[in-house]
PDB file of N, CA and C in Angstrom:
ATOM      1  N   MET A   1       0.431  10.379  12.384  1.00  0.00           N
ATOM      2  CA  MET A   1       0.918   9.225  11.662  1.00  0.00           C
ATOM      3  C   MET A   1       1.828   8.445  12.601  1.00  0.00           C
ATOM      4  N   ASN A   2       1.527   7.171  12.790  1.00  0.00           N
ATOM      5  CA  ASN A   2       2.388   6.374  13.658  1.00  0.00           C
ATOM      6  C   ASN A   2       3.560   5.803  12.855  1.00  0.00           C
ATOM      7  N   ARG A   3       4.481   5.126  13.543  1.00  0.00           N
ATOM      8  CA  ARG A   3       5.687   4.619  12.878  1.00  0.00           C
ATOM      9  C   ARG A   3       5.366   3.604  11.781  1.00  0.00           C
ATOM     10  N   ARG A   4       4.374   2.725  12.013  1.00  0.00           N
ATOM     11  CA  ARG A   4       4.012   1.726  11.004  1.00  0.00           C
ATOM     12  C   ARG A   4       3.489   2.399   9.741  1.00  0.00           C
ATOM     13  N   GLU A   5       2.597   3.370   9.914  1.00  0.00           N
ATOM     14  CA  GLU A   5       2.052   4.076   8.766  1.00  0.00           C
ATOM     15  C   GLU A   5       3.147   4.828   8.022  1.00  0.00           C
ATOM     16  N   ALA A   6       4.046   5.462   8.770  1.00  0.00           N
ATOM     17  CA  ALA A   6       5.140   6.194   8.142  1.00  0.00           C
ATOM     18  C   ALA A   6       6.027   5.255   7.341  1.00  0.00           C
ATOM     19  N   PHE A   7       6.338   4.092   7.893  1.00  0.00           N
ATOM     20  CA  PHE A   7       7.175   3.127   7.190  1.00  0.00           C
ATOM     21  C   PHE A   7       6.487   2.659   5.917  1.00  0.00           C
ATOM     22  N   LEU A   8       5.208   2.348   6.010  1.00  0.00           N
ATOM     23  CA  LEU A   8       4.493   1.861   4.839  1.00  0.00           C
ATOM     24  C   LEU A   8       4.354   2.941   3.780  1.00  0.00           C
ATOM     25  N   ALA A   9       4.152   4.171   4.201  1.00  0.00           N
ATOM     26  CA  ALA A   9       3.960   5.261   3.250  1.00  0.00           C
ATOM     27  C   ALA A   9       5.259   5.695   2.602  1.00  0.00           C
ATOM     28  N   LEU A  10       6.310   5.730   3.364  1.00  0.00           N
ATOM     29  CA  LEU A  10       7.544   6.326   2.882  1.00  0.00           C
ATOM     30  C   LEU A  10       8.650   5.333   2.597  1.00  0.00           C
ATOM     31  N   GLY A  11       8.527   4.135   3.106  1.00  0.00           N
ATOM     32  CA  GLY A  11       9.608   3.176   2.975  1.00  0.00           C
ATOM     33  C   GLY A  11      10.663   3.451   4.024  1.00  0.00           C
ATOM     34  N   ALA A  12      11.620   2.581   4.132  1.00  0.00           N
ATOM     35  CA  ALA A  12      12.640   2.703   5.174  1.00  0.00           C
ATOM     36  C   ALA A  12      13.423   4.008   5.066  1.00  0.00           C
ATOM     37  N   GLY A  13      13.679   4.495   3.860  1.00  0.00           N
ATOM     38  CA  GLY A  13      14.444   5.723   3.692  1.00  0.00           C
ATOM     39  C   GLY A  13      13.747   6.948   4.243  1.00  0.00           C
ATOM     40  N   GLY A  14      12.427   6.980   4.178  1.00  0.00           N
ATOM     41  CA  GLY A  14      11.680   8.130   4.659  1.00  0.00           C
ATOM     42  C   GLY A  14      11.273   8.029   6.112  1.00  0.00           C
ATOM     43  N   LEU A  15      11.552   6.898   6.745  1.00  0.00           N
ATOM     44  CA  LEU A  15      11.153   6.696   8.125  1.00  0.00           C
ATOM     45  C   LEU A  15      11.809   7.710   9.053  1.00  0.00           C
ATOM     46  N   ALA A  16      13.067   8.007   8.828  1.00  0.00           N
ATOM     47  CA  ALA A  16      13.763   8.958   9.684  1.00  0.00           C
ATOM     48  C   ALA A  16      13.113  10.334   9.608  1.00  0.00           C
ATOM     49  N   ALA A  17      12.720  10.748   8.412  1.00  0.00           N
ATOM     50  CA  ALA A  17      12.067  12.050   8.256  1.00  0.00           C
ATOM     51  C   ALA A  17      10.719  12.064   8.966  1.00  0.00           C
ATOM     52  N   ALA A  18       9.980  10.966   8.842  1.00  0.00           N
ATOM     53  CA  ALA A  18       8.676  10.885   9.502  1.00  0.00           C
ATOM     54  C   ALA A  18       8.839  10.896  11.012  1.00  0.00           C
ATOM     55  N   ALA A  19       9.827  10.167  11.502  1.00  0.00           N
ATOM     56  CA  ALA A  19      10.065  10.118  12.945  1.00  0.00           C
ATOM     57  C   ALA A  19      10.543  11.459  13.471  1.00  0.00           C
ATOM     58  N   ALA A  20      11.166  12.242  12.619  1.00  0.00           N
ATOM     59  CA  ALA A  20      11.678  13.543  13.030  1.00  0.00           C
ATOM     60  C   ALA A  20      10.593  14.616  13.038  1.00  0.00           C
ATOM     61  N   GLY A  21       9.368  14.234  12.713  1.00  0.00           N
ATOM     62  CA  GLY A  21       8.269  15.179  12.841  1.00  0.00           C
ATOM     63  C   GLY A  21       7.619  15.593  11.538  1.00  0.00           C
ATOM     64  N   ALA A  22       7.925  14.925  10.454  1.00  0.00           N
ATOM     65  CA  ALA A  22       7.257  15.248   9.202  1.00  0.00           C
ATOM     66  C   ALA A  22       5.773  14.942   9.370  1.00  0.00           C
ATOM     67  N   SER A  23       4.917  15.765   8.801  1.00  0.00           N
ATOM     68  CA  SER A  23       3.478  15.555   8.945  1.00  0.00           C
ATOM     69  C   SER A  23       2.798  15.694   7.602  1.00  0.00           C
ATOM     70  N   ARG A  24       1.498  15.465   7.594  1.00  0.00           N
ATOM     71  CA  ARG A  24       0.736  15.569   6.352  1.00  0.00           C
ATOM     72  C   ARG A  24       0.755  17.002   5.834  1.00  0.00           C
ATOM     73  N   ALA A  25       0.923  17.973   6.712  1.00  0.00           N
ATOM     74  CA  ALA A  25       0.982  19.357   6.293  1.00  0.00           C
ATOM     75  C   ALA A  25       2.185  19.615   5.401  1.00  0.00           C
ATOM     76  N   ALA A  26       3.199  18.798   5.497  1.00  0.00           N
ATOM     77  CA  ALA A  26       4.404  18.940   4.686  1.00  0.00           C
ATOM     78  C   ALA A  26       4.358  17.970   3.516  1.00  0.00           C
ATOM     79  N   ASP A  27       3.207  17.912   2.813  1.00  0.00           N
ATOM     80  CA  ASP A  27       3.060  17.006   1.677  1.00  0.00           C
ATOM     81  C   ASP A  27       4.132  17.273   0.639  1.00  0.00           C
ATOM     82  N   PRO A  28       4.670  16.216   0.039  1.00  0.00           N
ATOM     83  CA  PRO A  28       5.640  16.405  -1.031  1.00  0.00           C
ATOM     84  C   PRO A  28       4.950  16.966  -2.262  1.00  0.00           C
ATOM     85  N   THR A  29       5.721  17.530  -3.154  1.00  0.00           N
ATOM     86  CA  THR A  29       5.161  18.040  -4.396  1.00  0.00           C
ATOM     87  C   THR A  29       4.717  16.860  -5.243  1.00  0.00           C
ATOM     88  N   PRO A  30       3.473  16.854  -5.704  1.00  0.00           N
ATOM     89  CA  PRO A  30       2.978  15.709  -6.472  1.00  0.00           C
ATOM     90  C   PRO A  30       3.526  15.716  -7.892  1.00  0.00           C
ATOM     91  N   PRO A  31       3.562  14.545  -8.528  1.00  0.00           N
ATOM     92  CA  PRO A  31       3.933  14.496  -9.936  1.00  0.00           C
ATOM     93  C   PRO A  31       2.935  15.319 -10.745  1.00  0.00           C
ATOM     94  N   ALA A  32       3.403  15.949 -11.797  1.00  0.00           N
ATOM     95  CA  ALA A  32       2.567  16.856 -12.585  1.00  0.00           C
ATOM     96  C   ALA A  32       1.304  16.186 -13.108  1.00  0.00           C
ATOM     97  N   LYS A  33       1.387  14.899 -13.490  1.00  0.00           N
ATOM     98  CA  LYS A  33       0.233  14.251 -14.094  1.00  0.00           C
ATOM     99  C   LYS A  33      -0.907  13.978 -13.120  1.00  0.00           C
ATOM    100  N   VAL A  34      -0.677  14.103 -11.808  1.00  0.00           N
ATOM    101  CA  VAL A  34      -1.744  13.891 -10.828  1.00  0.00           C
ATOM    102  C   VAL A  34      -1.923  15.100  -9.915  1.00  0.00           C
ATOM    103  N   ALA A  35      -1.345  16.229 -10.275  1.00  0.00           N
ATOM    104  CA  ALA A  35      -1.396  17.405  -9.413  1.00  0.00           C
ATOM    105  C   ALA A  35      -2.818  17.815  -9.075  1.00  0.00           C
ATOM    106  N   ASP A  36      -3.760  17.604 -10.005  1.00  0.00           N
ATOM    107  CA  ASP A  36      -5.148  17.984  -9.741  1.00  0.00           C
ATOM    108  C   ASP A  36      -5.822  17.059  -8.725  1.00  0.00           C
ATOM    109  N   ALA A  37      -5.227  15.914  -8.426  1.00  0.00           N
ATOM    110  CA  ALA A  37      -5.799  14.961  -7.468  1.00  0.00           C
ATOM    111  C   ALA A  37      -5.026  14.951  -6.155  1.00  0.00           C
ATOM    112  N   TRP A  38      -4.205  15.957  -5.920  1.00  0.00           N
ATOM    113  CA  TRP A  38      -3.350  15.990  -4.737  1.00  0.00           C
ATOM    114  C   TRP A  38      -3.944  16.873  -3.682  1.00  0.00           C
ATOM    115  N   PRO A  39      -3.936  16.592  -2.438  1.00  0.00           N
ATOM    116  CA  PRO A  39      -3.430  15.370  -1.821  1.00  0.00           C
ATOM    117  C   PRO A  39      -4.387  14.212  -2.073  1.00  0.00           C
ATOM    118  N   PRO A  40      -3.933  12.977  -1.851  1.00  0.00           N
ATOM    119  CA  PRO A  40      -4.790  11.817  -2.102  1.00  0.00           C
ATOM    120  C   PRO A  40      -6.079  11.886  -1.278  1.00  0.00           C
ATOM    121  N   ALA A  41      -7.177  11.497  -1.898  1.00  0.00           N
ATOM    122  CA  ALA A  41      -8.471  11.491  -1.201  1.00  0.00           C
ATOM    123  C   ALA A  41      -8.507  10.443  -0.102  1.00  0.00           C
ATOM    124  N   ILE A  42      -7.716   9.391  -0.261  1.00  0.00           N
ATOM    125  CA  ILE A  42      -7.658   8.312   0.724  1.00  0.00           C
ATOM    126  C   ILE A  42      -6.259   8.281   1.313  1.00  0.00           C
ATOM    127  N   LEU A  43      -6.173   8.341   2.621  1.00  0.00           N
ATOM    128  CA  LEU A  43      -4.876   8.258   3.283  1.00  0.00           C
ATOM    129  C   LEU A  43      -4.475   6.798   3.446  1.00  0.00           C
ATOM    130  N   ILE A  44      -3.232   6.565   3.774  1.00  0.00           N
ATOM    131  CA  ILE A  44      -2.689   5.210   3.815  1.00  0.00           C
ATOM    132  C   ILE A  44      -3.449   4.284   4.773  1.00  0.00           C
ATOM    133  N   ALA A  45      -3.816   4.760   5.936  1.00  0.00           N
ATOM    134  CA  ALA A  45      -4.514   3.909   6.902  1.00  0.00           C
ATOM    135  C   ALA A  45      -5.853   3.432   6.343  1.00  0.00           C
ATOM    136  N   GLU A  46      -6.581   4.312   5.666  1.00  0.00           N
ATOM    137  CA  GLU A  46      -7.856   3.911   5.078  1.00  0.00           C
ATOM    138  C   GLU A  46      -7.637   2.970   3.899  1.00  0.00           C
ATOM    139  N   ALA A  47      -6.588   3.201   3.106  1.00  0.00           N
ATOM    140  CA  ALA A  47      -6.285   2.313   1.982  1.00  0.00           C
ATOM    141  C   ALA A  47      -5.997   0.894   2.480  1.00  0.00           C
ATOM    142  N   ILE A  48      -5.241   0.790   3.560  1.00  0.00           N
ATOM    143  CA  ILE A  48      -4.936  -0.527   4.125  1.00  0.00           C
ATOM    144  C   ILE A  48      -6.207  -1.189   4.645  1.00  0.00           C
ATOM    145  N   ARG A  49      -7.066  -0.415   5.320  1.00  0.00           N
ATOM    146  CA  ARG A  49      -8.334  -0.972   5.812  1.00  0.00           C
ATOM    147  C   ARG A  49      -9.200  -1.460   4.658  1.00  0.00           C
ATOM    148  N   LEU A  50      -9.304  -0.674   3.589  1.00  0.00           N
ATOM    149  CA  LEU A  50     -10.100  -1.078   2.426  1.00  0.00           C
ATOM    150  C   LEU A  50      -9.515  -2.327   1.764  1.00  0.00           C
ATOM    151  N   ALA A  51      -8.187  -2.402   1.695  1.00  0.00           N
ATOM    152  CA  ALA A  51      -7.536  -3.586   1.122  1.00  0.00           C
ATOM    153  C   ALA A  51      -7.820  -4.810   1.983  1.00  0.00           C
ATOM    154  N   GLU A  52      -7.729  -4.663   3.297  1.00  0.00           N
ATOM    155  CA  GLU A  52      -8.025  -5.784   4.198  1.00  0.00           C
ATOM    156  C   GLU A  52      -9.483  -6.217   4.063  1.00  0.00           C
ATOM    157  N   ASP A  53     -10.397  -5.248   3.929  1.00  0.00           N
ATOM    158  CA  ASP A  53     -11.813  -5.578   3.721  1.00  0.00           C
ATOM    159  C   ASP A  53     -11.998  -6.357   2.416  1.00  0.00           C
ATOM    160  N   HIS A  54     -11.267  -5.955   1.365  1.00  0.00           N
ATOM    161  CA  HIS A  54     -11.352  -6.646   0.077  1.00  0.00           C
ATOM    162  C   HIS A  54     -10.831  -8.082   0.197  1.00  0.00           C
ATOM    163  N   VAL A  55      -9.743  -8.257   0.928  1.00  0.00           N
ATOM    164  CA  VAL A  55      -9.185  -9.595   1.143  1.00  0.00           C
ATOM    165  C   VAL A  55     -10.225 -10.489   1.825  1.00  0.00           C
ATOM    166  N   LYS A  56     -10.913  -9.958   2.831  1.00  0.00           N
ATOM    167  CA  LYS A  56     -11.951 -10.732   3.526  1.00  0.00           C
ATOM    168  C   LYS A  56     -13.124 -11.041   2.604  1.00  0.00           C
ATOM    169  N   ALA A  57     -13.571 -10.028   1.850  1.00  0.00           N
ATOM    170  CA  ALA A  57     -14.726 -10.210   0.963  1.00  0.00           C
ATOM    171  C   ALA A  57     -14.438 -11.231  -0.138  1.00  0.00           C
ATOM    172  N   GLU A  58     -13.213 -11.255  -0.636  1.00  0.00           N
ATOM    173  CA  GLU A  58     -12.830 -12.184  -1.700  1.00  0.00           C
ATOM    174  C   GLU A  58     -12.339 -13.526  -1.154  1.00  0.00           C
ATOM    175  N   ARG A  59     -12.297 -13.641   0.175  1.00  0.00           N
ATOM    176  CA  ARG A  59     -11.848 -14.862   0.851  1.00  0.00           C
ATOM    177  C   ARG A  59     -10.464 -15.306   0.382  1.00  0.00           C
ATOM    178  N   ILE A  60      -9.563 -14.347   0.325  1.00  0.00           N
ATOM    179  CA  ILE A  60      -8.176 -14.634  -0.045  1.00  0.00           C
ATOM    180  C   ILE A  60      -7.466 -15.168   1.190  1.00  0.00           C
ATOM    181  N   ASP A  61      -6.835 -16.312   1.041  1.00  0.00           N
ATOM    182  CA  ASP A  61      -6.146 -16.961   2.158  1.00  0.00           C
ATOM    183  C   ASP A  61      -4.827 -16.239   2.434  1.00  0.00           C
ATOM    184  N   THR A  62      -4.720 -15.650   3.605  1.00  0.00           N
ATOM    185  CA  THR A  62      -3.506 -14.929   3.989  1.00  0.00           C
ATOM    186  C   THR A  62      -2.760 -15.640   5.119  1.00  0.00           C
ATOM    187  N   ALA A  63      -3.080 -16.909   5.344  1.00  0.00           N
ATOM    188  CA  ALA A  63      -2.486 -17.638   6.463  1.00  0.00           C
ATOM    189  C   ALA A  63      -0.966 -17.667   6.401  1.00  0.00           C
ATOM    190  N   GLU A  64      -0.407 -17.701   5.197  1.00  0.00           N
ATOM    191  CA  GLU A  64       1.044 -17.731   5.060  1.00  0.00           C
ATOM    192  C   GLU A  64       1.560 -16.498   4.330  1.00  0.00           C
ATOM    193  N   HIS A  65       0.891 -15.374   4.550  1.00  0.00           N
ATOM    194  CA  HIS A  65       1.295 -14.103   3.951  1.00  0.00           C
ATOM    195  C   HIS A  65       1.375 -13.031   5.026  1.00  0.00           C
ATOM    196  N   TYR A  66       2.073 -11.968   4.721  1.00  0.00           N
ATOM    197  CA  TYR A  66       2.129 -10.803   5.597  1.00  0.00           C
ATOM    198  C   TYR A  66       2.026  -9.545   4.747  1.00  0.00           C
ATOM    199  N   LEU A  67       1.449  -8.498   5.313  1.00  0.00           N
ATOM    200  CA  LEU A  67       1.343  -7.226   4.618  1.00  0.00           C
ATOM    201  C   LEU A  67       2.740  -6.625   4.568  1.00  0.00           C
ATOM    202  N   SER A  68       3.298  -6.473   3.372  1.00  0.00           N
ATOM    203  CA  SER A  68       4.690  -6.059   3.248  1.00  0.00           C
ATOM    204  C   SER A  68       4.870  -4.604   2.859  1.00  0.00           C
ATOM    205  N   SER A  69       3.900  -4.017   2.145  1.00  0.00           N
ATOM    206  CA  SER A  69       4.074  -2.612   1.758  1.00  0.00           C
ATOM    207  C   SER A  69       2.752  -2.004   1.305  1.00  0.00           C
ATOM    208  N   ALA A  70       2.721  -0.700   1.332  1.00  0.00           N
ATOM    209  CA  ALA A  70       1.622   0.072   0.756  1.00  0.00           C
ATOM    210  C   ALA A  70       2.259   1.274   0.081  1.00  0.00           C
ATOM    211  N   GLN A  71       2.026   1.398  -1.218  1.00  0.00           N
ATOM    212  CA  GLN A  71       2.652   2.470  -1.978  1.00  0.00           C
ATOM    213  C   GLN A  71       1.611   3.235  -2.765  1.00  0.00           C
ATOM    214  N   LEU A  72       1.828   4.534  -2.872  1.00  0.00           N
ATOM    215  CA  LEU A  72       0.970   5.387  -3.681  1.00  0.00           C
ATOM    216  C   LEU A  72       1.523   5.377  -5.097  1.00  0.00           C
ATOM    217  N   ARG A  73       0.714   4.966  -6.054  1.00  0.00           N
ATOM    218  CA  ARG A  73       1.139   4.885  -7.456  1.00  0.00           C
ATOM    219  C   ARG A  73       0.497   6.011  -8.249  1.00  0.00           C
ATOM    220  N   THR A  74       1.222   6.496  -9.223  1.00  0.00           N
ATOM    221  CA  THR A  74       0.746   7.650  -9.987  1.00  0.00           C
ATOM    222  C   THR A  74       0.815   7.443 -11.489  1.00  0.00           C
ATOM    223  N   ASP A  75       0.813   6.217 -11.962  1.00  0.00           N
ATOM    224  CA  ASP A  75       0.898   5.976 -13.400  1.00  0.00           C
ATOM    225  C   ASP A  75      -0.478   6.108 -14.054  1.00  0.00           C
ATOM    226  N   GLY A  76      -0.797   7.307 -14.499  1.00  0.00           N
ATOM    227  CA  GLY A  76      -2.089   7.568 -15.126  1.00  0.00           C
ATOM    228  C   GLY A  76      -3.108   8.132 -14.156  1.00  0.00           C
ATOM    229  N   LYS A  77      -3.393   7.388 -13.091  1.00  0.00           N
ATOM    230  CA  LYS A  77      -4.276   7.913 -12.062  1.00  0.00           C
ATOM    231  C   LYS A  77      -3.757   7.473 -10.703  1.00  0.00           C
ATOM    232  N   LEU A  78      -4.139   8.225  -9.723  1.00  0.00           N
ATOM    233  CA  LEU A  78      -3.656   7.988  -8.368  1.00  0.00           C
ATOM    234  C   LEU A  78      -4.344   6.773  -7.755  1.00  0.00           C
ATOM    235  N   ARG A  79      -3.546   5.864  -7.165  1.00  0.00           N
ATOM    236  CA  ARG A  79      -4.099   4.703  -6.489  1.00  0.00           C
ATOM    237  C   ARG A  79      -3.078   4.173  -5.495  1.00  0.00           C
ATOM    238  N   TRP A  80      -3.579   3.439  -4.508  1.00  0.00           N
ATOM    239  CA  TRP A  80      -2.722   2.751  -3.542  1.00  0.00           C
ATOM    240  C   TRP A  80      -2.545   1.315  -3.997  1.00  0.00           C
ATOM    241  N   GLU A  81      -1.338   0.782  -3.804  1.00  0.00           N
ATOM    242  CA  GLU A  81      -1.088  -0.639  -4.015  1.00  0.00           C
ATOM    243  C   GLU A  81      -0.615  -1.220  -2.689  1.00  0.00           C
ATOM    244  N   VAL A  82      -1.437  -2.099  -2.130  1.00  0.00           N
ATOM    245  CA  VAL A  82      -1.147  -2.725  -0.845  1.00  0.00           C
ATOM    246  C   VAL A  82      -0.743  -4.169  -1.153  1.00  0.00           C
ATOM    247  N   ARG A  83       0.486  -4.522  -0.765  1.00  0.00           N
ATOM    248  CA  ARG A  83       1.062  -5.813  -1.165  1.00  0.00           C
ATOM    249  C   ARG A  83       1.239  -6.763   0.019  1.00  0.00           C
ATOM    250  N   TRP A  84       0.865  -8.007  -0.212  1.00  0.00           N
ATOM    251  CA  TRP A  84       1.118  -9.100   0.726  1.00  0.00           C
ATOM    252  C   TRP A  84       2.139 -10.031   0.088  1.00  0.00           C
ATOM    253  N   ASP A  85       3.160 -10.407   0.841  1.00  0.00           N
ATOM    254  CA  ASP A  85       4.156 -11.380   0.392  1.00  0.00           C
ATOM    255  C   ASP A  85       3.992 -12.661   1.183  1.00  0.00           C
ATOM    256  N   GLY A  86       4.355 -13.764   0.545  1.00  0.00           N
ATOM    257  CA  GLY A  86       4.279 -15.057   1.201  1.00  0.00           C
ATOM    258  C   GLY A  86       5.455 -15.259   2.139  1.00  0.00           C
ATOM    259  N   VAL A  87       5.213 -16.024   3.174  1.00  0.00           N
ATOM    260  CA  VAL A  87       6.269 -16.371   4.122  1.00  0.00           C
ATOM    261  C   VAL A  87       7.197 -17.352   3.413  1.00  0.00           C
ATOM    262  N   ASP A  88       8.489 -17.034   3.393  1.00  0.00           N
ATOM    263  CA  ASP A  88       9.465 -17.924   2.759  1.00  0.00           C
ATOM    264  C   ASP A  88       9.748 -19.101   3.674  1.00  0.00           C
ATOM    265  N   ARG A  89       9.597 -20.275   3.124  1.00  0.00           N
ATOM    266  CA  ARG A  89       9.910 -21.493   3.866  1.00  0.00           C
ATOM    267  C   ARG A  89      10.823 -22.344   2.991  1.00  0.00           C
ATOM    268  N   PRO A  90      11.912 -22.840   3.550  1.00  0.00           N
ATOM    269  CA  PRO A  90      12.852 -23.635   2.754  1.00  0.00           C
ATOM    270  C   PRO A  90      12.215 -24.856   2.102  1.00  0.00           C
ATOM    271  N   ASP A  91      11.173 -25.401   2.716  1.00  0.00           N
ATOM    272  CA  ASP A  91      10.541 -26.594   2.164  1.00  0.00           C
ATOM    273  C   ASP A  91       9.512 -26.271   1.081  1.00  0.00           C
ATOM    274  N   ARG A  92       9.237 -24.978   0.882  1.00  0.00           N
ATOM    275  CA  ARG A  92       8.208 -24.619  -0.100  1.00  0.00           C
ATOM    276  C   ARG A  92       8.485 -23.251  -0.697  1.00  0.00           C
ATOM    277  N   LEU A  93       9.299 -23.195  -1.715  1.00  0.00           N
ATOM    278  CA  LEU A  93       9.551 -21.936  -2.411  1.00  0.00           C
ATOM    279  C   LEU A  93       8.594 -21.866  -3.592  1.00  0.00           C
ATOM    280  N   VAL A  94       7.738 -20.880  -3.576  1.00  0.00           N
ATOM    281  CA  VAL A  94       6.700 -20.772  -4.590  1.00  0.00           C
ATOM    282  C   VAL A  94       6.898 -19.481  -5.368  1.00  0.00           C
ATOM    283  N   LYS A  95       7.006 -19.610  -6.680  1.00  0.00           N
ATOM    284  CA  LYS A  95       7.097 -18.419  -7.516  1.00  0.00           C
ATOM    285  C   LYS A  95       5.731 -17.729  -7.529  1.00  0.00           C
ATOM    286  N   GLY A  96       5.740 -16.420  -7.436  1.00  0.00           N
ATOM    287  CA  GLY A  96       4.490 -15.681  -7.446  1.00  0.00           C
ATOM    288  C   GLY A  96       3.725 -15.772  -6.144  1.00  0.00           C
ATOM    289  N   ASN A  97       4.428 -15.967  -5.050  1.00  0.00           N
ATOM    290  CA  ASN A  97       3.795 -16.114  -3.744  1.00  0.00           C
ATOM    291  C   ASN A  97       3.518 -14.740  -3.134  1.00  0.00           C
ATOM    292  N   TRP A  98       2.771 -13.906  -3.873  1.00  0.00           N
ATOM    293  CA  TRP A  98       2.420 -12.569  -3.417  1.00  0.00           C
ATOM    294  C   TRP A  98       1.133 -12.140  -4.115  1.00  0.00           C
ATOM    295  N   PHE A  99       0.517 -11.101  -3.607  1.00  0.00           N
ATOM    296  CA  PHE A  99      -0.614 -10.475  -4.290  1.00  0.00           C
ATOM    297  C   PHE A  99      -0.704  -9.016  -3.872  1.00  0.00           C
ATOM    298  N   ILE A 100      -1.314  -8.233  -4.733  1.00  0.00           N
ATOM    299  CA  ILE A 100      -1.492  -6.796  -4.505  1.00  0.00           C
ATOM    300  C   ILE A 100      -2.976  -6.479  -4.578  1.00  0.00           C
ATOM    301  N   ILE A 101      -3.427  -5.642  -3.663  1.00  0.00           N
ATOM    302  CA  ILE A 101      -4.773  -5.093  -3.738  1.00  0.00           C
ATOM    303  C   ILE A 101      -4.614  -3.630  -4.154  1.00  0.00           C
ATOM    304  N   ARG A 102      -5.182  -3.277  -5.288  1.00  0.00           N
ATOM    305  CA  ARG A 102      -5.152  -1.886  -5.764  1.00  0.00           C
ATOM    306  C   ARG A 102      -6.403  -1.183  -5.269  1.00  0.00           C
ATOM    307  N   VAL A 103      -6.197  -0.061  -4.598  1.00  0.00           N
ATOM    308  CA  VAL A 103      -7.310   0.717  -4.051  1.00  0.00           C
ATOM    309  C   VAL A 103      -7.310   2.085  -4.722  1.00  0.00           C
ATOM    310  N   GLY A 104      -8.380   2.358  -5.473  1.00  0.00           N
ATOM    311  CA  GLY A 104      -8.509   3.644  -6.150  1.00  0.00           C
ATOM    312  C   GLY A 104      -9.036   4.714  -5.209  1.00  0.00           C
ATOM    313  N   MET A 105      -8.931   5.953  -5.648  1.00  0.00           N
ATOM    314  CA  MET A 105      -9.424   7.068  -4.837  1.00  0.00           C
ATOM    315  C   MET A 105     -10.948   7.055  -4.740  1.00  0.00           C
ATOM    316  N   ASP A 106     -11.601   6.221  -5.550  1.00  0.00           N
ATOM    317  CA  ASP A 106     -13.050   6.043  -5.463  1.00  0.00           C
ATOM    318  C   ASP A 106     -13.411   4.913  -4.487  1.00  0.00           C
ATOM    319  N   LYS A 107     -12.404   4.385  -3.784  1.00  0.00           N
ATOM    320  CA  LYS A 107     -12.541   3.328  -2.779  1.00  0.00           C
ATOM    321  C   LYS A 107     -12.873   1.960  -3.364  1.00  0.00           C
ATOM    322  N   GLN A 108     -12.696   1.794  -4.659  1.00  0.00           N
ATOM    323  CA  GLN A 108     -12.883   0.500  -5.305  1.00  0.00           C
ATOM    324  C   GLN A 108     -11.570  -0.265  -5.240  1.00  0.00           C
ATOM    325  N   ALA A 109     -11.647  -1.576  -5.027  1.00  0.00           N
ATOM    326  CA  ALA A 109     -10.444  -2.395  -4.889  1.00  0.00           C
ATOM    327  C   ALA A 109     -10.458  -3.543  -5.877  1.00  0.00           C
ATOM    328  N   GLY A 110      -9.260  -3.936  -6.306  1.00  0.00           N
ATOM    329  CA  GLY A 110      -9.088  -5.066  -7.201  1.00  0.00           C
ATOM    330  C   GLY A 110      -7.832  -5.825  -6.845  1.00  0.00           C
ATOM    331  N   THR A 111      -7.752  -7.070  -7.292  1.00  0.00           N
ATOM    332  CA  THR A 111      -6.656  -7.949  -6.922  1.00  0.00           C
ATOM    333  C   THR A 111      -5.728  -8.200  -8.111  1.00  0.00           C
ATOM    334  N   VAL A 112      -4.420  -8.171  -7.850  1.00  0.00           N
ATOM    335  CA  VAL A 112      -3.404  -8.578  -8.816  1.00  0.00           C
ATOM    336  C   VAL A 112      -2.639  -9.718  -8.155  1.00  0.00           C
ATOM    337  N   HIS A 113      -2.653 -10.900  -8.805  1.00  0.00           N
ATOM    338  CA  HIS A 113      -1.977 -12.063  -8.249  1.00  0.00           C
ATOM    339  C   HIS A 113      -0.557 -12.158  -8.772  1.00  0.00           C
ATOM    340  N   GLY A 114       0.350 -12.673  -7.947  1.00  0.00           N
ATOM    341  CA  GLY A 114       1.744 -12.844  -8.338  1.00  0.00           C
ATOM    342  C   GLY A 114       1.899 -13.793  -9.511  1.00  0.00           C
ATOM    343  N   LYS A 115       2.981 -13.593 -10.255  1.00  0.00           N
ATOM    344  CA  LYS A 115       3.248 -14.432 -11.431  1.00  0.00           C
ATOM    345  C   LYS A 115       4.521 -15.198 -11.243  1.00  0.00           C
TER     346      LYS A 115
END
């Protein structure tokens, strides 16, 4: 796992642990409601690739967006949420200037647009 993947998977707080040598072998204990699906069938790097493929297939304009996070969600079923945020510009503040690509463990992707 490289530093970018560790940051996206764990957030800034977990980066130090990842940099100190944490590996996939030291998986955290999963929430009880998804224990039967642990570890995730799709790792973070593949989830990001699938999300990027979905963005291309749906022709979503990312010219003024950046990939800001990828999080593993466990509300009901396990899935990755890969989020793009809009570049903040003083001349154009737009509410809902973000979108999320949800990637399921079946490799299916869907889009959630900002509100």
